Amino acid sequence: MRLTLYYRENCHLCDDFRRALMRLQPELGFETDEVDIDRDVGLVRRFDSRVPVLSLGEQEICHYFLDETALRAALAAVSAD
C-alpha cells in the first residue's frame, strides 16, 4: 500500500508528522511517497494551509497531525477489499 504525504519544506508540523508516520511503517507495512506542494501550483491551491496531509489514493486520511486510528482504519479497509 502506498500513502502520499503532502508537505512543505521548513514546516515543523510536517517534520513531526513524518517522524510519527515512519514509526508506524515497520508495523503497518506501507510505502510513502512525499510530495512538496510548493512545487505545484495546483497542489498549493488544494492544500495550502492544511499541510501536512496524508492520503491513500484520493482518500484523505488526516491532516495537521497523524491520526493513527484513521490510518489503521484506512489501511484495514484496503486490505479487506
Protein backbone atom coordinates (compact mmCIF):
# COMPACT_ATOMS: atom_id res chain seq x y z
CA MET A 1 0.00 0.00 0.00
CA ARG A 2 1.28 3.44 -0.94
CA LEU A 3 0.43 6.53 1.05
CA THR A 4 1.10 10.08 -0.09
CA LEU A 5 2.35 12.69 2.34
CA TYR A 6 1.83 16.24 1.07
CA TYR A 7 4.18 18.59 2.89
CA ARG A 8 6.17 21.83 2.77
CA GLU A 9 9.84 22.38 3.42
CA ASN A 10 10.65 24.11 6.72
CA CYS A 11 7.32 23.06 8.23
CA HIS A 12 7.62 21.80 11.81
CA LEU A 13 4.20 20.12 11.66
CA CYS A 14 5.33 18.28 8.53
CA ASP A 15 8.53 17.12 10.22
CA ASP A 16 6.63 15.88 13.29
CA PHE A 17 4.04 14.17 11.09
CA ARG A 18 6.75 12.42 9.04
CA ARG A 19 8.50 11.12 12.17
CA ALA A 20 5.24 9.78 13.63
CA LEU A 21 4.35 8.14 10.32
CA MET A 22 7.75 6.50 9.94
CA ARG A 23 7.49 4.98 13.42
CA LEU A 24 4.40 3.06 12.24
CA GLN A 25 5.80 1.98 8.87
CA PRO A 26 7.54 -1.24 10.03
CA GLU A 27 4.43 -2.44 11.83
CA LEU A 28 1.85 -1.49 9.19
CA GLY A 29 3.95 -2.20 6.10
CA PHE A 30 3.08 0.76 3.89
CA GLU A 31 5.23 2.73 1.47
CA THR A 32 5.22 6.53 1.40
CA ASP A 33 5.54 9.00 -1.44
CA GLU A 34 6.35 12.51 -0.28
CA VAL A 35 5.19 15.46 -2.35
CA ASP A 36 6.31 19.05 -1.71
CA ILE A 37 3.19 21.06 -2.55
CA ASP A 38 5.23 24.20 -3.28
CA ARG A 39 6.49 22.56 -6.48
CA ASP A 40 2.97 22.51 -7.97
CA VAL A 41 0.60 25.48 -8.08
CA GLY A 42 -2.42 23.17 -8.20
CA LEU A 43 -1.32 21.43 -5.00
CA VAL A 44 -0.75 24.78 -3.29
CA ARG A 45 -4.33 25.76 -4.17
CA ARG A 46 -5.62 22.39 -2.97
CA PHE A 47 -3.70 22.02 0.31
CA ASP A 48 -2.02 25.38 1.10
CA SER A 49 -2.55 25.90 4.83
CA ARG A 50 -3.68 22.33 5.59
CA VAL A 51 -0.30 20.59 5.25
CA PRO A 52 0.78 18.08 6.16
CA VAL A 53 -1.89 15.94 4.51
CA LEU A 54 -1.80 12.14 4.35
CA SER A 55 -3.79 10.35 1.68
CA LEU A 56 -4.35 6.88 0.34
CA GLY A 57 -5.13 7.37 -3.33
CA GLU A 58 -7.77 10.10 -3.45
CA GLN A 59 -8.89 9.44 0.14
CA GLU A 60 -7.58 11.96 2.64
CA ILE A 61 -6.76 10.15 5.86
CA CYS A 62 -5.77 13.10 8.04
CA HIS A 63 -4.06 16.47 8.10
CA TYR A 64 -2.03 18.62 10.52
CA PHE A 65 -1.37 15.70 12.90
CA LEU A 66 -1.14 11.97 12.30
CA ASP A 67 -4.41 10.27 13.27
CA GLU A 68 -3.21 6.74 13.94
CA THR A 69 -6.76 5.39 14.30
CA ALA A 70 -7.78 6.82 10.93
CA LEU A 71 -4.61 5.47 9.31
CA ARG A 72 -5.18 1.98 10.67
CA ALA A 73 -8.83 2.06 9.54
CA ALA A 74 -7.90 3.19 6.02
CA LEU A 75 -5.26 0.50 5.65
CA ALA A 76 -7.61 -2.16 7.05
CA ALA A 77 -10.34 -1.15 4.59
CA VAL A 78 -7.95 -1.56 1.66
CA SER A 79 -6.73 -4.92 2.98
CA ALA A 80 -10.33 -6.15 3.29
CA ASP A 81 -11.07 -5.48 -0.39
